[in-house]
Amino acid sequence: LVGLMATLSMVVGNLAALTQKSVRRLLAYSGIGHAGFILIALMAATPQALGAVLFYIILYGLTTLGAFGIVAVVLRHRGGDRLTDFAGLSRATPFLSFCMLVFLVSLAGLPPLAGFFGKFYLFTSALDTGNAGTAQPGMLWIVVIALFMNAVSLYYYLIVVKAMYFGEETGKREPITPSHTVRWVAGTLAAATLILGCFPELLLQPIHNAIAHGL
């Protein structure tokens, strides 16, 4: 049952995100797909899988908070959150565009950002059943589906990146001037995503220590 829920979440969430023109809706539907990834690791029911789930949830929280925060800035200054509203964002606010790039690439699971290691640990923990390192055939197929759906997610995340860096603005638009607080929060979240991608053990080690002590 959990495997079916995981598969449906990944397929429905990612395929629905493909059709979205609203970046908020795109991120929301992609969140359904990420929930499916988490369910895969929960099926393994091992300490390693629990650690991978906690690690992934924290990383996903950081990147999603940052991405939705930047969407809110665009919504406030441009009056919408469609892909056309993100056109030329890199010229209007280079710093926030770079932060958004970090968040989207991490959500897509590309190295060396934190999202890559989060998905790597999720999938490897799902395949490790504890039986001499062998994986059950059913788990293997679900992970294969997850990898395919992750490739789908890469496509729609890169659509947003393309709009920000290569999209042509329609009409004259004023530069976006976010507050220092917005810059500080977005920069901190982006830096955390980068650091945890380069040094995932900074978060993984405390998580595994807590699990080992009976969390």
N, C-alpha and C. Protein backbone atom coordinates (compact mmCIF):
# COMPACT_ATOMS: atom_id res chain seq x y z
N LEU A 1 0.83 -1.20 0.00
CA LEU A 1 0.00 0.00 0.00
C LEU A 1 0.87 1.26 0.00
N VAL A 2 1.89 1.27 0.85
CA VAL A 2 2.79 2.43 0.90
C VAL A 2 3.53 2.58 -0.42
N GLY A 3 3.93 1.44 -1.00
CA GLY A 3 4.61 1.48 -2.29
C GLY A 3 3.73 2.06 -3.38
N LEU A 4 2.44 1.71 -3.36
CA LEU A 4 1.50 2.26 -4.33
C LEU A 4 1.32 3.76 -4.13
N MET A 5 1.21 4.18 -2.86
CA MET A 5 1.09 5.61 -2.57
C MET A 5 2.33 6.38 -3.03
N ALA A 6 3.51 5.78 -2.79
CA ALA A 6 4.75 6.43 -3.21
C ALA A 6 4.80 6.58 -4.72
N THR A 7 4.44 5.53 -5.44
CA THR A 7 4.48 5.57 -6.90
C THR A 7 3.50 6.59 -7.46
N LEU A 8 2.27 6.58 -6.94
CA LEU A 8 1.27 7.54 -7.42
C LEU A 8 1.68 8.98 -7.11
N SER A 9 2.26 9.19 -5.93
CA SER A 9 2.70 10.54 -5.57
C SER A 9 3.77 11.04 -6.52
N MET A 10 4.74 10.18 -6.81
CA MET A 10 5.83 10.58 -7.71
C MET A 10 5.32 10.85 -9.12
N VAL A 11 4.49 9.96 -9.64
CA VAL A 11 4.02 10.08 -11.02
C VAL A 11 3.06 11.26 -11.18
N VAL A 12 2.04 11.31 -10.32
CA VAL A 12 1.04 12.38 -10.44
C VAL A 12 1.65 13.74 -10.15
N GLY A 13 2.45 13.83 -9.09
CA GLY A 13 3.04 15.11 -8.73
C GLY A 13 3.94 15.68 -9.80
N ASN A 14 4.83 14.85 -10.34
CA ASN A 14 5.79 15.35 -11.33
C ASN A 14 5.15 15.60 -12.68
N LEU A 15 4.24 14.74 -13.11
CA LEU A 15 3.59 14.97 -14.39
C LEU A 15 2.67 16.19 -14.34
N ALA A 16 2.01 16.41 -13.20
CA ALA A 16 1.16 17.60 -13.06
C ALA A 16 2.01 18.87 -13.06
N ALA A 17 3.19 18.81 -12.45
CA ALA A 17 4.06 19.98 -12.42
C ALA A 17 4.52 20.38 -13.81
N LEU A 18 4.62 19.40 -14.71
CA LEU A 18 5.06 19.68 -16.08
C LEU A 18 4.15 20.66 -16.80
N THR A 19 2.89 20.65 -16.48
CA THR A 19 1.90 21.45 -17.22
C THR A 19 1.67 22.83 -16.62
N GLN A 20 2.34 23.15 -15.52
CA GLN A 20 2.04 24.39 -14.81
C GLN A 20 2.77 25.59 -15.41
N LYS A 21 2.07 26.70 -15.47
CA LYS A 21 2.67 27.98 -15.85
C LYS A 21 2.92 28.85 -14.63
N SER A 22 2.24 28.52 -13.53
CA SER A 22 2.44 29.22 -12.26
C SER A 22 3.57 28.53 -11.50
N VAL A 23 4.58 29.29 -11.09
CA VAL A 23 5.71 28.70 -10.39
C VAL A 23 5.29 28.21 -9.01
N ARG A 24 4.34 28.88 -8.38
CA ARG A 24 3.82 28.39 -7.09
C ARG A 24 3.18 27.02 -7.25
N ARG A 25 2.36 26.86 -8.26
CA ARG A 25 1.72 25.56 -8.49
C ARG A 25 2.75 24.51 -8.88
N LEU A 26 3.74 24.92 -9.66
CA LEU A 26 4.81 24.00 -10.04
C LEU A 26 5.52 23.46 -8.81
N LEU A 27 5.87 24.34 -7.89
CA LEU A 27 6.55 23.92 -6.67
C LEU A 27 5.63 23.07 -5.79
N ALA A 28 4.35 23.42 -5.77
CA ALA A 28 3.40 22.65 -4.96
C ALA A 28 3.24 21.23 -5.47
N TYR A 29 3.08 21.08 -6.78
CA TYR A 29 2.94 19.74 -7.35
C TYR A 29 4.24 18.95 -7.23
N SER A 30 5.36 19.64 -7.36
CA SER A 30 6.63 18.93 -7.20
C SER A 30 6.78 18.43 -5.77
N GLY A 31 6.19 19.15 -4.81
CA GLY A 31 6.22 18.70 -3.42
C GLY A 31 5.53 17.35 -3.23
N ILE A 32 4.48 17.11 -4.03
CA ILE A 32 3.82 15.80 -3.98
C ILE A 32 4.78 14.72 -4.43
N GLY A 33 5.57 15.03 -5.47
CA GLY A 33 6.57 14.07 -5.93
C GLY A 33 7.63 13.81 -4.89
N HIS A 34 8.07 14.86 -4.19
CA HIS A 34 9.07 14.68 -3.13
C HIS A 34 8.52 13.83 -1.99
N ALA A 35 7.23 13.98 -1.70
CA ALA A 35 6.62 13.14 -0.67
C ALA A 35 6.70 11.67 -1.07
N GLY A 36 6.54 11.40 -2.36
CA GLY A 36 6.69 10.02 -2.84
C GLY A 36 8.09 9.49 -2.63
N PHE A 37 9.10 10.33 -2.85
CA PHE A 37 10.48 9.91 -2.61
C PHE A 37 10.68 9.52 -1.14
N ILE A 38 10.10 10.32 -0.25
CA ILE A 38 10.24 10.05 1.18
C ILE A 38 9.57 8.74 1.56
N LEU A 39 8.41 8.47 0.97
CA LEU A 39 7.70 7.23 1.27
C LEU A 39 8.51 6.00 0.87
N ILE A 40 9.31 6.13 -0.17
CA ILE A 40 10.15 4.99 -0.60
C ILE A 40 11.09 4.58 0.53
N ALA A 41 11.76 5.56 1.14
CA ALA A 41 12.70 5.25 2.22
C ALA A 41 11.96 4.72 3.44
N LEU A 42 10.76 5.24 3.71
CA LEU A 42 10.00 4.76 4.87
C LEU A 42 9.64 3.28 4.73
N MET A 43 9.49 2.81 3.49
CA MET A 43 9.18 1.41 3.27
C MET A 43 10.29 0.50 3.76
N ALA A 44 11.54 0.98 3.72
CA ALA A 44 12.66 0.15 4.14
C ALA A 44 12.64 -0.10 5.65
N ALA A 45 12.15 0.87 6.42
CA ALA A 45 11.99 0.71 7.88
C ALA A 45 13.28 0.29 8.56
N THR A 46 14.37 0.97 8.24
CA THR A 46 15.66 0.72 8.88
C THR A 46 16.18 2.02 9.48
N PRO A 47 17.11 1.94 10.45
CA PRO A 47 17.70 3.17 10.99
C PRO A 47 18.35 4.04 9.91
N GLN A 48 18.98 3.41 8.94
CA GLN A 48 19.59 4.17 7.85
C GLN A 48 18.53 4.93 7.06
N ALA A 49 17.40 4.27 6.81
CA ALA A 49 16.32 4.91 6.06
C ALA A 49 15.72 6.07 6.86
N LEU A 50 15.55 5.89 8.17
CA LEU A 50 15.02 6.96 9.01
C LEU A 50 15.95 8.17 8.98
N GLY A 51 17.25 7.92 9.05
CA GLY A 51 18.21 9.02 8.96
C GLY A 51 18.13 9.73 7.62
N ALA A 52 17.98 8.95 6.55
CA ALA A 52 17.86 9.54 5.22
C ALA A 52 16.61 10.39 5.09
N VAL A 53 15.51 9.93 5.69
CA VAL A 53 14.25 10.68 5.64
C VAL A 53 14.39 12.00 6.39
N LEU A 54 14.94 11.98 7.59
CA LEU A 54 15.11 13.21 8.36
C LEU A 54 16.04 14.18 7.64
N PHE A 55 17.12 13.66 7.08
CA PHE A 55 18.07 14.48 6.32
C PHE A 55 17.37 15.14 5.15
N TYR A 56 16.58 14.36 4.42
CA TYR A 56 15.90 14.88 3.23
C TYR A 56 14.84 15.91 3.59
N ILE A 57 14.09 15.66 4.65
CA ILE A 57 13.04 16.60 5.05
C ILE A 57 13.65 17.95 5.42
N ILE A 58 14.76 17.94 6.12
CA ILE A 58 15.41 19.20 6.50
C ILE A 58 15.90 19.94 5.26
N LEU A 59 16.54 19.21 4.34
CA LEU A 59 17.04 19.84 3.12
C LEU A 59 15.88 20.38 2.28
N TYR A 60 14.83 19.58 2.16
CA TYR A 60 13.68 20.02 1.37
C TYR A 60 13.05 21.26 2.00
N GLY A 61 12.99 21.30 3.32
CA GLY A 61 12.45 22.47 4.00
C GLY A 61 13.24 23.73 3.71
N LEU A 62 14.57 23.62 3.73
CA LEU A 62 15.43 24.78 3.45
C LEU A 62 15.21 25.30 2.04
N THR A 63 15.26 24.40 1.06
CA THR A 63 15.18 24.82 -0.33
C THR A 63 13.78 25.32 -0.69
N THR A 64 12.76 24.67 -0.17
CA THR A 64 11.39 25.08 -0.49
C THR A 64 11.06 26.42 0.14
N LEU A 65 11.51 26.62 1.37
CA LEU A 65 11.29 27.91 2.03
C LEU A 65 11.93 29.03 1.22
N GLY A 66 13.16 28.80 0.77
CA GLY A 66 13.84 29.81 -0.02
C GLY A 66 13.16 30.05 -1.36
N ALA A 67 12.76 28.98 -2.04
CA ALA A 67 12.13 29.13 -3.35
C ALA A 67 10.79 29.86 -3.25
N PHE A 68 9.95 29.48 -2.29
CA PHE A 68 8.66 30.16 -2.14
C PHE A 68 8.86 31.61 -1.70
N GLY A 69 9.90 31.87 -0.93
CA GLY A 69 10.18 33.25 -0.53
C GLY A 69 10.48 34.14 -1.73
N ILE A 70 11.28 33.63 -2.67
CA ILE A 70 11.61 34.40 -3.87
C ILE A 70 10.40 34.54 -4.77
N VAL A 71 9.57 33.50 -4.84
CA VAL A 71 8.32 33.60 -5.60
C VAL A 71 7.45 34.72 -5.02
N ALA A 72 7.42 34.84 -3.70
CA ALA A 72 6.64 35.90 -3.06
C ALA A 72 7.16 37.28 -3.44
N VAL A 73 8.49 37.40 -3.55
CA VAL A 73 9.08 38.69 -3.96
C VAL A 73 8.65 39.03 -5.38
N VAL A 74 8.74 38.06 -6.28
CA VAL A 74 8.33 38.30 -7.67
C VAL A 74 6.84 38.63 -7.74
N LEU A 75 6.04 37.94 -6.97
CA LEU A 75 4.60 38.19 -6.96
C LEU A 75 4.30 39.61 -6.50
N ARG A 76 5.03 40.06 -5.49
CA ARG A 76 4.77 41.40 -4.96
C ARG A 76 5.21 42.50 -5.93
N HIS A 77 6.34 42.29 -6.61
CA HIS A 77 6.88 43.34 -7.48
C HIS A 77 6.33 43.29 -8.90
N ARG A 78 5.95 42.10 -9.37
CA ARG A 78 5.50 41.98 -10.75
C ARG A 78 4.04 41.59 -10.87
N GLY A 79 3.39 41.35 -9.74
CA GLY A 79 1.96 41.10 -9.75
C GLY A 79 1.53 39.72 -10.19
N GLY A 80 2.46 38.79 -10.34
CA GLY A 80 2.11 37.43 -10.74
C GLY A 80 3.28 36.49 -10.48
N ASP A 81 3.00 35.20 -10.64
CA ASP A 81 4.05 34.21 -10.42
C ASP A 81 4.15 33.24 -11.59
N ARG A 82 3.69 33.68 -12.77
CA ARG A 82 3.79 32.83 -13.94
C ARG A 82 5.22 32.85 -14.48
N LEU A 83 5.50 31.91 -15.36
CA LEU A 83 6.85 31.84 -15.93
C LEU A 83 7.22 33.14 -16.63
N THR A 84 6.24 33.79 -17.25
CA THR A 84 6.52 35.06 -17.92
C THR A 84 6.91 36.16 -16.93
N ASP A 85 6.44 36.04 -15.69
CA ASP A 85 6.81 37.02 -14.66
C ASP A 85 8.25 36.81 -14.18
N PHE A 86 8.80 35.63 -14.42
CA PHE A 86 10.19 35.35 -14.06
C PHE A 86 11.15 35.65 -15.20
N ALA A 87 10.62 36.04 -16.35
CA ALA A 87 11.48 36.33 -17.50
C ALA A 87 12.42 37.49 -17.19
N GLY A 88 13.70 37.28 -17.41
CA GLY A 88 14.68 38.33 -17.18
C GLY A 88 14.94 38.65 -15.73
N LEU A 89 14.56 37.76 -14.81
CA LEU A 89 14.73 38.03 -13.39
C LEU A 89 16.20 38.19 -13.02
N SER A 90 17.09 37.52 -13.75
CA SER A 90 18.51 37.62 -13.44
C SER A 90 19.05 39.02 -13.68
N ARG A 91 18.40 39.77 -14.56
CA ARG A 91 18.83 41.15 -14.80
C ARG A 91 18.19 42.12 -13.82
N ALA A 92 17.00 41.75 -13.33
CA ALA A 92 16.31 42.63 -12.38
C ALA A 92 16.88 42.50 -10.98
N THR A 93 17.25 41.27 -10.59
CA THR A 93 17.82 41.03 -9.26
C THR A 93 18.76 39.83 -9.34
N PRO A 94 20.02 40.07 -9.69
CA PRO A 94 20.98 38.97 -9.89
C PRO A 94 21.16 38.09 -8.66
N PHE A 95 21.18 38.70 -7.47
CA PHE A 95 21.44 37.92 -6.26
C PHE A 95 20.31 36.93 -5.98
N LEU A 96 19.07 37.41 -6.00
CA LEU A 96 17.94 36.52 -5.74
C LEU A 96 17.81 35.47 -6.84
N SER A 97 18.15 35.82 -8.06
CA SER A 97 18.10 34.84 -9.15
C SER A 97 19.11 33.72 -8.92
N PHE A 98 20.29 34.08 -8.44
CA PHE A 98 21.28 33.05 -8.14
C PHE A 98 20.81 32.15 -7.00
N CYS A 99 20.21 32.75 -5.98
CA CYS A 99 19.68 31.95 -4.87
C CYS A 99 18.59 31.01 -5.38
N MET A 100 17.70 31.51 -6.24
CA MET A 100 16.65 30.67 -6.81
C MET A 100 17.25 29.54 -7.63
N LEU A 101 18.31 29.83 -8.36
CA LEU A 101 19.01 28.80 -9.13
C LEU A 101 19.52 27.70 -8.21
N VAL A 102 20.12 28.09 -7.09
CA VAL A 102 20.63 27.11 -6.12
C VAL A 102 19.49 26.23 -5.60
N PHE A 103 18.36 26.86 -5.24
CA PHE A 103 17.23 26.10 -4.70
C PHE A 103 16.67 25.12 -5.73
N LEU A 104 16.50 25.57 -6.96
CA LEU A 104 15.91 24.72 -7.99
C LEU A 104 16.83 23.57 -8.38
N VAL A 105 18.12 23.86 -8.50
CA VAL A 105 19.07 22.80 -8.86
C VAL A 105 19.16 21.78 -7.74
N SER A 106 19.08 22.23 -6.49
CA SER A 106 19.09 21.30 -5.37
C SER A 106 17.83 20.44 -5.36
N LEU A 107 16.68 21.05 -5.61
CA LEU A 107 15.42 20.29 -5.68
C LEU A 107 15.46 19.26 -6.80
N ALA A 108 16.16 19.61 -7.88
CA ALA A 108 16.28 18.68 -9.00
C ALA A 108 17.23 17.53 -8.70
N GLY A 109 18.03 17.67 -7.63
CA GLY A 109 18.91 16.58 -7.24
C GLY A 109 20.22 16.53 -8.01
N LEU A 110 20.74 17.69 -8.41
CA LEU A 110 22.00 17.71 -9.14
C LEU A 110 23.16 17.97 -8.18
N PRO A 111 24.31 17.30 -8.39
CA PRO A 111 25.47 17.56 -7.54
C PRO A 111 26.09 18.90 -7.93
N PRO A 112 26.82 19.55 -7.01
CA PRO A 112 27.17 19.07 -5.67
C PRO A 112 26.26 19.64 -4.58
N LEU A 113 25.04 19.98 -4.92
CA LEU A 113 24.15 20.61 -3.95
C LEU A 113 23.51 19.56 -3.03
N ALA A 114 22.92 20.05 -1.95
CA ALA A 114 22.44 19.17 -0.89
C ALA A 114 21.36 18.20 -1.38
N GLY A 115 20.53 18.63 -2.32
CA GLY A 115 19.46 17.78 -2.80
C GLY A 115 19.96 16.49 -3.43
N PHE A 116 21.13 16.55 -4.06
CA PHE A 116 21.69 15.34 -4.67
C PHE A 116 21.96 14.28 -3.62
N PHE A 117 22.62 14.69 -2.54
CA PHE A 117 22.95 13.73 -1.49
C PHE A 117 21.69 13.27 -0.75
N GLY A 118 20.72 14.17 -0.61
CA GLY A 118 19.47 13.77 0.02
C GLY A 118 18.79 12.65 -0.73
N LYS A 119 18.69 12.78 -2.06
CA LYS A 119 18.06 11.73 -2.86
C LYS A 119 18.93 10.48 -2.92
N PHE A 120 20.23 10.67 -2.97
CA PHE A 120 21.14 9.52 -2.99
C PHE A 120 20.95 8.66 -1.75
N TYR A 121 20.88 9.31 -0.59
CA TYR A 121 20.71 8.55 0.66
C TYR A 121 19.32 7.92 0.73
N LEU A 122 18.30 8.62 0.23
CA LEU A 122 16.96 8.04 0.22
C LEU A 122 16.92 6.76 -0.60
N PHE A 123 17.46 6.82 -1.80
CA PHE A 123 17.35 5.68 -2.70
C PHE A 123 18.24 4.52 -2.25
N THR A 124 19.44 4.82 -1.78
CA THR A 124 20.32 3.73 -1.33
C THR A 124 19.77 3.06 -0.07
N SER A 125 19.17 3.84 0.82
CA SER A 125 18.59 3.24 2.03
C SER A 125 17.38 2.38 1.68
N ALA A 126 16.64 2.76 0.64
CA ALA A 126 15.50 1.96 0.21
C ALA A 126 15.94 0.64 -0.39
N LEU A 127 17.07 0.65 -1.08
CA LEU A 127 17.57 -0.58 -1.70
C LEU A 127 18.25 -1.51 -0.71
N ASP A 128 18.76 -0.95 0.39
CA ASP A 128 19.44 -1.77 1.39
C ASP A 128 18.41 -2.32 2.37
N THR A 129 18.04 -3.57 2.19
CA THR A 129 17.02 -4.19 3.05
C THR A 129 17.64 -4.86 4.27
N GLY A 130 18.97 -4.86 4.34
CA GLY A 130 19.63 -5.53 5.45
C GLY A 130 19.87 -7.00 5.24
N ASN A 131 19.43 -7.52 4.08
CA ASN A 131 19.64 -8.94 3.78
C ASN A 131 20.86 -9.09 2.88
N ALA A 132 22.02 -9.03 3.50
CA ALA A 132 23.30 -9.17 2.78
C ALA A 132 23.43 -8.15 1.66
N GLY A 133 22.84 -6.96 1.90
CA GLY A 133 22.97 -5.88 0.94
C GLY A 133 22.16 -6.05 -0.33
N THR A 134 21.23 -7.00 -0.36
CA THR A 134 20.42 -7.22 -1.55
C THR A 134 19.10 -6.47 -1.42
N ALA A 135 18.56 -6.10 -2.55
CA ALA A 135 17.30 -5.36 -2.57
C ALA A 135 16.17 -6.24 -3.08
N GLN A 136 14.98 -6.04 -2.53
CA GLN A 136 13.82 -6.76 -3.02
C GLN A 136 13.47 -6.24 -4.42
N PRO A 137 13.02 -7.10 -5.32
CA PRO A 137 12.70 -6.68 -6.69
C PRO A 137 11.69 -5.54 -6.73
N GLY A 138 10.67 -5.60 -5.84
CA GLY A 138 9.68 -4.54 -5.81
C GLY A 138 10.28 -3.19 -5.48
N MET A 139 11.18 -3.15 -4.50
CA MET A 139 11.85 -1.91 -4.13
C MET A 139 12.70 -1.39 -5.28
N LEU A 140 13.35 -2.30 -5.98
CA LEU A 140 14.21 -1.90 -7.09
C LEU A 140 13.40 -1.20 -8.17
N TRP A 141 12.23 -1.74 -8.49
CA TRP A 141 11.40 -1.12 -9.51
C TRP A 141 10.89 0.24 -9.08
N ILE A 142 10.55 0.39 -7.81
CA ILE A 142 10.07 1.68 -7.32
C ILE A 142 11.18 2.73 -7.40
N VAL A 143 12.41 2.33 -7.07
CA VAL A 143 13.54 3.26 -7.17
C VAL A 143 13.79 3.63 -8.63
N VAL A 144 13.64 2.70 -9.54
CA VAL A 144 13.80 3.00 -10.97
C VAL A 144 12.76 4.04 -11.41
N ILE A 145 11.52 3.86 -10.96
CA ILE A 145 10.48 4.85 -11.27
C ILE A 145 10.84 6.20 -10.68
N ALA A 146 11.38 6.19 -9.44
CA ALA A 146 11.77 7.44 -8.79
C ALA A 146 12.86 8.16 -9.58
N LEU A 147 13.82 7.42 -10.09
CA LEU A 147 14.89 8.03 -10.88
C LEU A 147 14.34 8.64 -12.17
N PHE A 148 13.40 7.95 -12.79
CA PHE A 148 12.79 8.48 -14.01
C PHE A 148 12.00 9.75 -13.70
N MET A 149 11.23 9.74 -12.63
CA MET A 149 10.46 10.92 -12.25
C MET A 149 11.36 12.08 -11.85
N ASN A 150 12.52 11.76 -11.28
CA ASN A 150 13.46 12.81 -10.94
C ASN A 150 14.00 13.48 -12.21
N ALA A 151 14.19 12.68 -13.27
CA ALA A 151 14.60 13.25 -14.55
C ALA A 151 13.53 14.18 -15.10
N VAL A 152 12.25 13.82 -14.90
CA VAL A 152 11.15 14.68 -15.32
C VAL A 152 11.19 15.99 -14.55
N SER A 153 11.45 15.91 -13.25
CA SER A 153 11.49 17.12 -12.44
C SER A 153 12.62 18.04 -12.88
N LEU A 154 13.73 17.47 -13.31
CA LEU A 154 14.84 18.29 -13.79
C LEU A 154 14.38 19.17 -14.95
N TYR A 155 13.55 18.63 -15.80
CA TYR A 155 13.07 19.38 -16.97
C TYR A 155 12.28 20.62 -16.54
N TYR A 156 11.30 20.44 -15.64
CA TYR A 156 10.47 21.61 -15.33
C TYR A 156 11.18 22.60 -14.40
N TYR A 157 12.13 22.14 -13.60
CA TYR A 157 12.90 23.10 -12.82
C TYR A 157 13.78 23.95 -13.74
N LEU A 158 14.34 23.31 -14.76
CA LEU A 158 15.20 24.06 -15.68
C LEU A 158 14.40 25.04 -16.54
N ILE A 159 13.09 24.78 -16.72
CA ILE A 159 12.25 25.75 -17.42
C ILE A 159 12.22 27.07 -16.68
N VAL A 160 12.12 27.00 -15.35
CA VAL A 160 12.13 28.23 -14.54
C VAL A 160 13.49 28.92 -14.65
N VAL A 161 14.56 28.13 -14.58
CA VAL A 161 15.91 28.70 -14.72
C VAL A 161 16.07 29.37 -16.07
N LYS A 162 15.57 28.72 -17.12
CA LYS A 162 15.65 29.30 -18.46
C LYS A 162 14.93 30.63 -18.53
N ALA A 163 13.75 30.70 -17.91
CA ALA A 163 12.99 31.95 -17.92
C ALA A 163 13.76 33.06 -17.20
N MET A 164 14.38 32.73 -16.08
CA MET A 164 15.10 33.74 -15.30
C MET A 164 16.30 34.29 -16.05
N TYR A 165 17.04 33.42 -16.72
CA TYR A 165 18.33 33.82 -17.30
C TYR A 165 18.28 34.09 -18.79
N PHE A 166 17.30 33.53 -19.48
CA PHE A 166 17.26 33.70 -20.94
C PHE A 166 15.92 34.22 -21.44
N GLY A 167 14.95 34.37 -20.55
CA GLY A 167 13.64 34.85 -20.98
C GLY A 167 13.66 36.33 -21.32
N GLU A 168 12.86 36.71 -22.30
CA GLU A 168 12.75 38.10 -22.73
C GLU A 168 11.60 38.77 -22.00
N GLU A 169 11.87 39.90 -21.39
CA GLU A 169 10.84 40.63 -20.68
C GLU A 169 9.88 41.30 -21.66
N THR A 170 8.61 41.28 -21.31
CA THR A 170 7.60 41.94 -22.13
C THR A 170 7.29 43.30 -21.52
N GLY A 171 7.62 44.34 -22.25
CA GLY A 171 7.39 45.68 -21.72
C GLY A 171 8.50 46.12 -20.78
N LYS A 172 8.44 47.36 -20.36
CA LYS A 172 9.44 47.92 -19.47
C LYS A 172 9.08 47.60 -18.02
N ARG A 173 10.05 47.04 -17.29
CA ARG A 173 9.81 46.70 -15.90
C ARG A 173 10.88 47.33 -15.03
N GLU A 174 10.46 47.74 -13.84
CA GLU A 174 11.38 48.36 -12.90
C GLU A 174 12.25 47.29 -12.24
N PRO A 175 13.48 47.64 -11.87
CA PRO A 175 14.33 46.68 -11.15
C PRO A 175 13.70 46.28 -9.83
N ILE A 176 13.89 45.06 -9.46
CA ILE A 176 13.37 44.55 -8.19
C ILE A 176 14.38 44.87 -7.09
N THR A 177 13.92 45.52 -6.04
CA THR A 177 14.82 45.90 -4.94
C THR A 177 14.31 45.27 -3.64
N PRO A 178 14.67 44.01 -3.39
CA PRO A 178 14.22 43.37 -2.15
C PRO A 178 14.89 43.98 -0.93
N SER A 179 14.26 43.84 0.21
CA SER A 179 14.81 44.39 1.44
C SER A 179 16.04 43.62 1.87
N HIS A 180 16.79 44.20 2.80
CA HIS A 180 17.99 43.54 3.32
C HIS A 180 17.62 42.24 4.04
N THR A 181 16.47 42.22 4.68
CA THR A 181 16.04 41.00 5.38
C THR A 181 15.81 39.87 4.39
N VAL A 182 15.16 40.18 3.27
CA VAL A 182 14.91 39.17 2.24
C VAL A 182 16.23 38.66 1.69
N ARG A 183 17.15 39.56 1.41
CA ARG A 183 18.46 39.16 0.89
C ARG A 183 19.20 38.28 1.90
N TRP A 184 19.14 38.66 3.15
CA TRP A 184 19.86 37.91 4.19
C TRP A 184 19.29 36.51 4.34
N VAL A 185 17.96 36.41 4.39
CA VAL A 185 17.33 35.11 4.56
C VAL A 185 17.60 34.22 3.34
N ALA A 186 17.40 34.76 2.13
CA ALA A 186 17.63 33.98 0.92
C ALA A 186 19.08 33.55 0.81
N GLY A 187 19.99 34.47 1.13
CA GLY A 187 21.42 34.14 1.07
C GLY A 187 21.82 33.08 2.07
N THR A 188 21.25 33.16 3.27
CA THR A 188 21.56 32.17 4.31
C THR A 188 21.07 30.79 3.91
N LEU A 189 19.84 30.71 3.38
CA LEU A 189 19.29 29.42 2.96
C LEU A 189 20.08 28.84 1.78
N ALA A 190 20.46 29.70 0.84
CA ALA A 190 21.25 29.23 -0.30
C ALA A 190 22.62 28.75 0.16
N ALA A 191 23.24 29.48 1.09
CA ALA A 191 24.54 29.08 1.61
C ALA A 191 24.45 27.74 2.34
N ALA A 192 23.38 27.56 3.12
CA ALA A 192 23.19 26.29 3.82
C ALA A 192 23.04 25.14 2.83
N THR A 193 22.33 25.39 1.73
CA THR A 193 22.15 24.35 0.70
C THR A 193 23.48 23.99 0.07
N LEU A 194 24.30 24.99 -0.18
CA LEU A 194 25.62 24.74 -0.77
C LEU A 194 26.54 24.02 0.21
N ILE A 195 26.55 24.46 1.46
CA ILE A 195 27.46 23.87 2.46
C ILE A 195 27.09 22.43 2.75
N LEU A 196 25.80 22.16 2.92
CA LEU A 196 25.37 20.79 3.20
C LEU A 196 25.57 19.88 2.00
N GLY A 197 25.63 20.47 0.80
CA GLY A 197 25.95 19.67 -0.37
C GLY A 197 27.41 19.26 -0.39
N CYS A 198 28.28 20.15 0.07
CA CYS A 198 29.71 19.85 0.10
C CYS A 198 30.10 19.04 1.34
N PHE A 199 29.38 19.27 2.44
CA PHE A 199 29.70 18.58 3.70
C PHE A 199 28.42 18.02 4.33
N PRO A 200 27.81 17.01 3.71
CA PRO A 200 26.53 16.48 4.23
C PRO A 200 26.66 15.87 5.62
N GLU A 201 27.89 15.45 5.99
CA GLU A 201 28.07 14.82 7.30
C GLU A 201 27.82 15.80 8.44
N LEU A 202 27.87 17.11 8.16
CA LEU A 202 27.57 18.09 9.20
C LEU A 202 26.16 17.91 9.76
N LEU A 203 25.25 17.46 8.93
CA LEU A 203 23.87 17.21 9.36
C LEU A 203 23.61 15.73 9.57
N LEU A 204 24.21 14.90 8.73
CA LEU A 204 23.96 13.46 8.83
C LEU A 204 24.46 12.88 10.14
N GLN A 205 25.64 13.30 10.58
CA GLN A 205 26.23 12.73 11.79
C GLN A 205 25.37 12.98 13.02
N PRO A 206 24.90 14.22 13.27
CA PRO A 206 24.01 14.42 14.41
C PRO A 206 22.71 13.63 14.30
N ILE A 207 22.18 13.49 13.09
CA ILE A 207 20.94 12.73 12.91
C ILE A 207 21.16 11.27 13.27
N HIS A 208 22.23 10.66 12.78
CA HIS A 208 22.50 9.25 13.08
C HIS A 208 22.83 9.05 14.57
N ASN A 209 23.50 10.03 15.17
CA ASN A 209 23.79 9.94 16.60
C ASN A 209 22.48 9.96 17.41
N ALA A 210 21.55 10.82 16.98
CA ALA A 210 20.26 10.90 17.70
C ALA A 210 19.48 9.61 17.53
N ILE A 211 19.50 9.03 16.33
CA ILE A 211 18.78 7.77 16.10
C ILE A 211 19.42 6.64 16.92
N ALA A 212 20.75 6.63 16.98
CA ALA A 212 21.43 5.60 17.72
C ALA A 212 21.13 5.65 19.21
N HIS A 213 20.80 6.86 19.71
CA HIS A 213 20.49 7.01 21.13
C HIS A 213 19.00 6.93 21.41
N GLY A 214 18.24 6.45 20.42
CA GLY A 214 16.84 6.14 20.67
C GLY A 214 15.88 7.24 20.38
N LEU A 215 16.22 8.18 19.45
CA LEU A 215 15.26 9.23 19.10
C LEU A 215 14.03 8.62 18.43
